[in-house]
Amino acid sequence: MKNRVKELRLAAGMTQQQLAELVHVSSRTIISLEKGQYNPSLLLAYRLALIFSTTVEELYCLQENKEEEDRRYEEWE
């Protein structure tokens, strides 16, 4: 799943380990999230959004995904 975790973490000057400790997961989980290889639980997504003062939708680019899905749906009609 496309996300902005790495971008926001770097902007905040945090290491993967520091972020992992803040959200109570392993650094391996953060690495996987940043690579788009792990879909977070709702609780983890919410915690990350709070830390970065954003919304889950913004953090995981959900609005962009919705717009892309809408375009594909229109093409099928």
PDB file of N, CA and C in Angstrom:
ATOM      1  N   MET A   1       0.849  -1.181   0.000  1.00  0.00           N
ATOM      2  CA  MET A   1       0.000   0.000   0.000  1.00  0.00           C
ATOM      3  C   MET A   1       0.894   1.243   0.000  1.00  0.00           C
ATOM      4  N   LYS A   2       0.625   2.139  -0.907  1.00  0.00           N
ATOM      5  CA  LYS A   2       1.386   3.380  -0.993  1.00  0.00           C
ATOM      6  C   LYS A   2       1.189   4.189   0.288  1.00  0.00           C
ATOM      7  N   ASN A   3       2.305   4.739   0.806  1.00  0.00           N
ATOM      8  CA  ASN A   3       2.194   5.554   2.008  1.00  0.00           C
ATOM      9  C   ASN A   3       3.306   6.583   2.061  1.00  0.00           C
ATOM     10  N   ARG A   4       3.187   7.495   3.016  1.00  0.00           N
ATOM     11  CA  ARG A   4       4.143   8.581   3.190  1.00  0.00           C
ATOM     12  C   ARG A   4       4.939   8.431   4.481  1.00  0.00           C
ATOM     13  N   VAL A   5       4.990   7.236   5.047  1.00  0.00           N
ATOM     14  CA  VAL A   5       5.632   7.030   6.343  1.00  0.00           C
ATOM     15  C   VAL A   5       7.096   7.452   6.295  1.00  0.00           C
ATOM     16  N   LYS A   6       7.850   6.972   5.334  1.00  0.00           N
ATOM     17  CA  LYS A   6       9.276   7.300   5.264  1.00  0.00           C
ATOM     18  C   LYS A   6       9.477   8.803   5.080  1.00  0.00           C
ATOM     19  N   GLU A   7       8.728   9.387   4.171  1.00  0.00           N
ATOM     20  CA  GLU A   7       8.823  10.827   3.911  1.00  0.00           C
ATOM     21  C   GLU A   7       8.607  11.631   5.192  1.00  0.00           C
ATOM     22  N   LEU A   8       7.546  11.311   5.921  1.00  0.00           N
ATOM     23  CA  LEU A   8       7.218  12.054   7.142  1.00  0.00           C
ATOM     24  C   LEU A   8       8.200  11.753   8.272  1.00  0.00           C
ATOM     25  N   ARG A   9       8.654  10.520   8.352  1.00  0.00           N
ATOM     26  CA  ARG A   9       9.636  10.153   9.385  1.00  0.00           C
ATOM     27  C   ARG A   9      10.927  10.933   9.180  1.00  0.00           C
ATOM     28  N   LEU A  10      11.411  10.972   7.936  1.00  0.00           N
ATOM     29  CA  LEU A  10      12.643  11.710   7.646  1.00  0.00           C
ATOM     30  C   LEU A  10      12.473  13.208   7.902  1.00  0.00           C
ATOM     31  N   ALA A  11      11.326  13.746   7.527  1.00  0.00           N
ATOM     32  CA  ALA A  11      11.055  15.168   7.759  1.00  0.00           C
ATOM     33  C   ALA A  11      11.049  15.499   9.251  1.00  0.00           C
ATOM     34  N   ALA A  12      10.634  14.512  10.060  1.00  0.00           N
ATOM     35  CA  ALA A  12      10.602  14.705  11.512  1.00  0.00           C
ATOM     36  C   ALA A  12      11.962  14.428  12.153  1.00  0.00           C
ATOM     37  N   GLY A  13      12.924  13.971  11.351  1.00  0.00           N
ATOM     38  CA  GLY A  13      14.251  13.700  11.878  1.00  0.00           C
ATOM     39  C   GLY A  13      14.323  12.467  12.758  1.00  0.00           C
ATOM     40  N   MET A  14      13.456  11.494  12.489  1.00  0.00           N
ATOM     41  CA  MET A  14      13.388  10.273  13.297  1.00  0.00           C
ATOM     42  C   MET A  14      14.041   9.103  12.591  1.00  0.00           C
ATOM     43  N   THR A  15      14.596   8.207  13.394  1.00  0.00           N
ATOM     44  CA  THR A  15      15.078   6.945  12.844  1.00  0.00           C
ATOM     45  C   THR A  15      13.913   5.964  12.805  1.00  0.00           C
ATOM     46  N   GLN A  16      14.102   4.883  12.086  1.00  0.00           N
ATOM     47  CA  GLN A  16      13.076   3.838  12.061  1.00  0.00           C
ATOM     48  C   GLN A  16      12.867   3.268  13.462  1.00  0.00           C
ATOM     49  N   GLN A  17      13.948   3.103  14.200  1.00  0.00           N
ATOM     50  CA  GLN A  17      13.850   2.564  15.558  1.00  0.00           C
ATOM     51  C   GLN A  17      13.059   3.500  16.473  1.00  0.00           C
ATOM     52  N   GLN A  18      13.320   4.786  16.374  1.00  0.00           N
ATOM     53  CA  GLN A  18      12.591   5.751  17.202  1.00  0.00           C
ATOM     54  C   GLN A  18      11.095   5.713  16.910  1.00  0.00           C
ATOM     55  N   LEU A  19      10.758   5.681  15.628  1.00  0.00           N
ATOM     56  CA  LEU A  19       9.344   5.621  15.257  1.00  0.00           C
ATOM     57  C   LEU A  19       8.725   4.323  15.752  1.00  0.00           C
ATOM     58  N   ALA A  20       9.430   3.234  15.584  1.00  0.00           N
ATOM     59  CA  ALA A  20       8.928   1.931  16.039  1.00  0.00           C
ATOM     60  C   ALA A  20       8.610   1.961  17.529  1.00  0.00           C
ATOM     61  N   GLU A  21       9.497   2.544  18.314  1.00  0.00           N
ATOM     62  CA  GLU A  21       9.265   2.626  19.761  1.00  0.00           C
ATOM     63  C   GLU A  21       8.044   3.475  20.092  1.00  0.00           C
ATOM     64  N   LEU A  22       7.848   4.553  19.352  1.00  0.00           N
ATOM     65  CA  LEU A  22       6.696   5.431  19.600  1.00  0.00           C
ATOM     66  C   LEU A  22       5.360   4.736  19.340  1.00  0.00           C
ATOM     67  N   VAL A  23       5.334   3.850  18.349  1.00  0.00           N
ATOM     68  CA  VAL A  23       4.069   3.198  17.985  1.00  0.00           C
ATOM     69  C   VAL A  23       4.006   1.747  18.469  1.00  0.00           C
ATOM     70  N   HIS A  24       5.008   1.333  19.230  1.00  0.00           N
ATOM     71  CA  HIS A  24       5.014   0.007  19.873  1.00  0.00           C
ATOM     72  C   HIS A  24       5.027  -1.152  18.876  1.00  0.00           C
ATOM     73  N   VAL A  25       5.909  -1.038  17.872  1.00  0.00           N
ATOM     74  CA  VAL A  25       6.131  -2.136  16.934  1.00  0.00           C
ATOM     75  C   VAL A  25       7.641  -2.310  16.763  1.00  0.00           C
ATOM     76  N   SER A  26       8.036  -3.321  16.023  1.00  0.00           N
ATOM     77  CA  SER A  26       9.462  -3.533  15.768  1.00  0.00           C
ATOM     78  C   SER A  26       9.938  -2.610  14.644  1.00  0.00           C
ATOM     79  N   SER A  27      11.232  -2.378  14.610  1.00  0.00           N
ATOM     80  CA  SER A  27      11.785  -1.576  13.511  1.00  0.00           C
ATOM     81  C   SER A  27      11.578  -2.302  12.181  1.00  0.00           C
ATOM     82  N   ARG A  28      11.541  -3.628  12.228  1.00  0.00           N
ATOM     83  CA  ARG A  28      11.286  -4.433  11.021  1.00  0.00           C
ATOM     84  C   ARG A  28       9.900  -4.100  10.443  1.00  0.00           C
ATOM     85  N   THR A  29       8.924  -3.878  11.313  1.00  0.00           N
ATOM     86  CA  THR A  29       7.579  -3.499  10.862  1.00  0.00           C
ATOM     87  C   THR A  29       7.616  -2.152  10.155  1.00  0.00           C
ATOM     88  N   ILE A  30       8.362  -1.203  10.712  1.00  0.00           N
ATOM     89  CA  ILE A  30       8.476   0.119  10.086  1.00  0.00           C
ATOM     90  C   ILE A  30       9.149  -0.003   8.720  1.00  0.00           C
ATOM     91  N   ILE A  31      10.205  -0.797   8.645  1.00  0.00           N
ATOM     92  CA  ILE A  31      10.889  -1.013   7.371  1.00  0.00           C
ATOM     93  C   ILE A  31       9.915  -1.571   6.334  1.00  0.00           C
ATOM     94  N   SER A  32       9.148  -2.578   6.734  1.00  0.00           N
ATOM     95  CA  SER A  32       8.175  -3.188   5.816  1.00  0.00           C
ATOM     96  C   SER A  32       7.087  -2.201   5.406  1.00  0.00           C
ATOM     97  N   LEU A  33       6.633  -1.387   6.357  1.00  0.00           N
ATOM     98  CA  LEU A  33       5.635  -0.359   6.038  1.00  0.00           C
ATOM     99  C   LEU A  33       6.174   0.600   4.982  1.00  0.00           C
ATOM    100  N   GLU A  34       7.394   1.082   5.213  1.00  0.00           N
ATOM    101  CA  GLU A  34       7.976   2.057   4.301  1.00  0.00           C
ATOM    102  C   GLU A  34       8.186   1.496   2.901  1.00  0.00           C
ATOM    103  N   LYS A  35       8.408   0.209   2.804  1.00  0.00           N
ATOM    104  CA  LYS A  35       8.588  -0.433   1.499  1.00  0.00           C
ATOM    105  C   LYS A  35       7.262  -0.831   0.863  1.00  0.00           C
ATOM    106  N   GLY A  36       6.150  -0.615   1.583  1.00  0.00           N
ATOM    107  CA  GLY A  36       4.844  -0.988   1.059  1.00  0.00           C
ATOM    108  C   GLY A  36       4.598  -2.484   1.092  1.00  0.00           C
ATOM    109  N   GLN A  37       5.338  -3.193   1.940  1.00  0.00           N
ATOM    110  CA  GLN A  37       5.229  -4.649   2.024  1.00  0.00           C
ATOM    111  C   GLN A  37       4.363  -5.107   3.200  1.00  0.00           C
ATOM    112  N   TYR A  38       3.784  -4.159   3.933  1.00  0.00           N
ATOM    113  CA  TYR A  38       3.005  -4.500   5.115  1.00  0.00           C
ATOM    114  C   TYR A  38       1.818  -3.560   5.206  1.00  0.00           C
ATOM    115  N   ASN A  39       0.644  -4.114   5.357  1.00  0.00           N
ATOM    116  CA  ASN A  39      -0.546  -3.306   5.567  1.00  0.00           C
ATOM    117  C   ASN A  39      -0.809  -3.229   7.061  1.00  0.00           C
ATOM    118  N   PRO A  40      -0.824  -2.026   7.606  1.00  0.00           N
ATOM    119  CA  PRO A  40      -0.960  -1.873   9.050  1.00  0.00           C
ATOM    120  C   PRO A  40      -2.375  -2.133   9.547  1.00  0.00           C
ATOM    121  N   SER A  41      -2.457  -2.433  10.822  1.00  0.00           N
ATOM    122  CA  SER A  41      -3.767  -2.507  11.469  1.00  0.00           C
ATOM    123  C   SER A  41      -4.322  -1.083  11.536  1.00  0.00           C
ATOM    124  N   LEU A  42      -5.594  -0.980  11.779  1.00  0.00           N
ATOM    125  CA  LEU A  42      -6.211   0.334  11.924  1.00  0.00           C
ATOM    126  C   LEU A  42      -5.572   1.098  13.085  1.00  0.00           C
ATOM    127  N   LEU A  43      -5.293   0.402  14.176  1.00  0.00           N
ATOM    128  CA  LEU A  43      -4.679   1.041  15.341  1.00  0.00           C
ATOM    129  C   LEU A  43      -3.299   1.597  14.995  1.00  0.00           C
ATOM    130  N   LEU A  44      -2.482   0.826  14.299  1.00  0.00           N
ATOM    131  CA  LEU A  44      -1.148   1.303  13.925  1.00  0.00           C
ATOM    132  C   LEU A  44      -1.252   2.480  12.964  1.00  0.00           C
ATOM    133  N   ALA A  45      -2.129   2.408  11.994  1.00  0.00           N
ATOM    134  CA  ALA A  45      -2.307   3.515  11.052  1.00  0.00           C
ATOM    135  C   ALA A  45      -2.718   4.787  11.789  1.00  0.00           C
ATOM    136  N   TYR A  46      -3.605   4.643  12.759  1.00  0.00           N
ATOM    137  CA  TYR A  46      -4.069   5.779  13.544  1.00  0.00           C
ATOM    138  C   TYR A  46      -2.932   6.364  14.386  1.00  0.00           C
ATOM    139  N   ARG A  47      -2.147   5.511  15.028  1.00  0.00           N
ATOM    140  CA  ARG A  47      -1.014   5.983  15.837  1.00  0.00           C
ATOM    141  C   ARG A  47      -0.011   6.756  14.978  1.00  0.00           C
ATOM    142  N   LEU A  48       0.292   6.225  13.809  1.00  0.00           N
ATOM    143  CA  LEU A  48       1.228   6.906  12.916  1.00  0.00           C
ATOM    144  C   LEU A  48       0.680   8.261  12.487  1.00  0.00           C
ATOM    145  N   ALA A  49      -0.586   8.299  12.143  1.00  0.00           N
ATOM    146  CA  ALA A  49      -1.198   9.567  11.739  1.00  0.00           C
ATOM    147  C   ALA A  49      -1.128  10.592  12.868  1.00  0.00           C
ATOM    148  N   LEU A  50      -1.377  10.157  14.095  1.00  0.00           N
ATOM    149  CA  LEU A  50      -1.293  11.076  15.237  1.00  0.00           C
ATOM    150  C   LEU A  50       0.123  11.614  15.413  1.00  0.00           C
ATOM    151  N   ILE A  51       1.105  10.745  15.313  1.00  0.00           N
ATOM    152  CA  ILE A  51       2.497  11.166  15.490  1.00  0.00           C
ATOM    153  C   ILE A  51       2.881  12.217  14.450  1.00  0.00           C
ATOM    154  N   PHE A  52       2.419  12.036  13.232  1.00  0.00           N
ATOM    155  CA  PHE A  52       2.785  12.955  12.158  1.00  0.00           C
ATOM    156  C   PHE A  52       1.767  14.081  11.963  1.00  0.00           C
ATOM    157  N   SER A  53       0.807  14.192  12.863  1.00  0.00           N
ATOM    158  CA  SER A  53      -0.215  15.253  12.814  1.00  0.00           C
ATOM    159  C   SER A  53      -0.899  15.316  11.454  1.00  0.00           C
ATOM    160  N   THR A  54      -1.343  14.170  11.003  1.00  0.00           N
ATOM    161  CA  THR A  54      -2.042  14.094   9.717  1.00  0.00           C
ATOM    162  C   THR A  54      -3.201  13.114   9.864  1.00  0.00           C
ATOM    163  N   THR A  55      -3.864  12.830   8.786  1.00  0.00           N
ATOM    164  CA  THR A  55      -4.959  11.868   8.815  1.00  0.00           C
ATOM    165  C   THR A  55      -4.471  10.538   8.239  1.00  0.00           C
ATOM    166  N   VAL A  56      -5.187   9.496   8.530  1.00  0.00           N
ATOM    167  CA  VAL A  56      -4.868   8.189   7.957  1.00  0.00           C
ATOM    168  C   VAL A  56      -4.969   8.265   6.436  1.00  0.00           C
ATOM    169  N   GLU A  57      -5.967   8.977   5.940  1.00  0.00           N
ATOM    170  CA  GLU A  57      -6.155   9.120   4.494  1.00  0.00           C
ATOM    171  C   GLU A  57      -4.940   9.771   3.835  1.00  0.00           C
ATOM    172  N   GLU A  58      -4.431  10.827   4.456  1.00  0.00           N
ATOM    173  CA  GLU A  58      -3.252  11.508   3.916  1.00  0.00           C
ATOM    174  C   GLU A  58      -1.999  10.637   4.041  1.00  0.00           C
ATOM    175  N   LEU A  59      -1.842   9.982   5.158  1.00  0.00           N
ATOM    176  CA  LEU A  59      -0.672   9.152   5.399  1.00  0.00           C
ATOM    177  C   LEU A  59      -0.579   8.005   4.402  1.00  0.00           C
ATOM    178  N   TYR A  60      -1.713   7.409   4.074  1.00  0.00           N
ATOM    179  CA  TYR A  60      -1.740   6.257   3.175  1.00  0.00           C
ATOM    180  C   TYR A  60      -2.249   6.586   1.779  1.00  0.00           C
ATOM    181  N   CYS A  61      -2.285   7.874   1.444  1.00  0.00           N
ATOM    182  CA  CYS A  61      -2.648   8.318   0.089  1.00  0.00           C
ATOM    183  C   CYS A  61      -3.989   7.716  -0.349  1.00  0.00           C
ATOM    184  N   LEU A  62      -4.910   7.584   0.579  1.00  0.00           N
ATOM    185  CA  LEU A  62      -6.186   6.935   0.267  1.00  0.00           C
ATOM    186  C   LEU A  62      -7.046   7.747  -0.675  1.00  0.00           C
ATOM    187  N   GLN A  63      -6.960   9.057  -0.604  1.00  0.00           N
ATOM    188  CA  GLN A  63      -7.754   9.888  -1.512  1.00  0.00           C
ATOM    189  C   GLN A  63      -7.278   9.682  -2.946  1.00  0.00           C
ATOM    190  N   GLU A  64      -5.939   9.622  -3.137  1.00  0.00           N
ATOM    191  CA  GLU A  64      -5.408   9.373  -4.478  1.00  0.00           C
ATOM    192  C   GLU A  64      -5.858   8.014  -4.993  1.00  0.00           C
ATOM    193  N   ASN A  65      -5.831   7.015  -4.128  1.00  0.00           N
ATOM    194  CA  ASN A  65      -6.264   5.677  -4.525  1.00  0.00           C
ATOM    195  C   ASN A  65      -7.738   5.678  -4.901  1.00  0.00           C
ATOM    196  N   LYS A  66      -8.559   6.408  -4.160  1.00  0.00           N
ATOM    197  CA  LYS A  66      -9.990   6.475  -4.444  1.00  0.00           C
ATOM    198  C   LYS A  66     -10.229   7.121  -5.798  1.00  0.00           C
ATOM    199  N   GLU A  67      -9.516   8.206  -6.083  1.00  0.00           N
ATOM    200  CA  GLU A  67      -9.689   8.883  -7.366  1.00  0.00           C
ATOM    201  C   GLU A  67      -9.286   7.961  -8.521  1.00  0.00           C
ATOM    202  N   GLU A  68      -8.224   7.197  -8.333  1.00  0.00           N
ATOM    203  CA  GLU A  68      -7.786   6.251  -9.361  1.00  0.00           C
ATOM    204  C   GLU A  68      -8.832   5.156  -9.564  1.00  0.00           C
ATOM    205  N   GLU A  69      -9.406   4.658  -8.482  1.00  0.00           N
ATOM    206  CA  GLU A  69     -10.453   3.635  -8.585  1.00  0.00           C
ATOM    207  C   GLU A  69     -11.678   4.195  -9.295  1.00  0.00           C
ATOM    208  N   ASP A  70     -12.035   5.434  -8.985  1.00  0.00           N
ATOM    209  CA  ASP A  70     -13.181   6.067  -9.641  1.00  0.00           C
ATOM    210  C   ASP A  70     -12.955   6.174 -11.146  1.00  0.00           C
ATOM    211  N   ARG A  71     -11.727   6.534 -11.559  1.00  0.00           N
ATOM    212  CA  ARG A  71     -11.416   6.641 -12.995  1.00  0.00           C
ATOM    213  C   ARG A  71     -11.546   5.278 -13.667  1.00  0.00           C
ATOM    214  N   ARG A  72     -11.029   4.241 -13.013  1.00  0.00           N
ATOM    215  CA  ARG A  72     -11.116   2.893 -13.593  1.00  0.00           C
ATOM    216  C   ARG A  72     -12.575   2.453 -13.718  1.00  0.00           C
ATOM    217  N   TYR A  73     -13.382   2.756 -12.712  1.00  0.00           N
ATOM    218  CA  TYR A  73     -14.793   2.387 -12.734  1.00  0.00           C
ATOM    219  C   TYR A  73     -15.499   3.072 -13.903  1.00  0.00           C
ATOM    220  N   GLU A  74     -15.186   4.351 -14.105  1.00  0.00           N
ATOM    221  CA  GLU A  74     -15.813   5.091 -15.203  1.00  0.00           C
ATOM    222  C   GLU A  74     -15.432   4.495 -16.559  1.00  0.00           C
ATOM    223  N   GLU A  75     -14.196   4.004 -16.673  1.00  0.00           N
ATOM    224  CA  GLU A  75     -13.751   3.389 -17.923  1.00  0.00           C
ATOM    225  C   GLU A  75     -14.530   2.110 -18.219  1.00  0.00           C
ATOM    226  N   TRP A  76     -14.940   1.389 -17.183  1.00  0.00           N
ATOM    227  CA  TRP A  76     -15.665   0.130 -17.348  1.00  0.00           C
ATOM    228  C   TRP A  76     -17.102   0.347 -17.801  1.00  0.00           C
ATOM    229  N   GLU A  77     -17.632   1.509 -17.493  1.00  0.00           N
ATOM    230  CA  GLU A  77     -19.048   1.775 -17.814  1.00  0.00           C
ATOM    231  C   GLU A  77     -19.270   1.954 -19.289  1.00  0.00           C
TER     232      GLU A  77
END
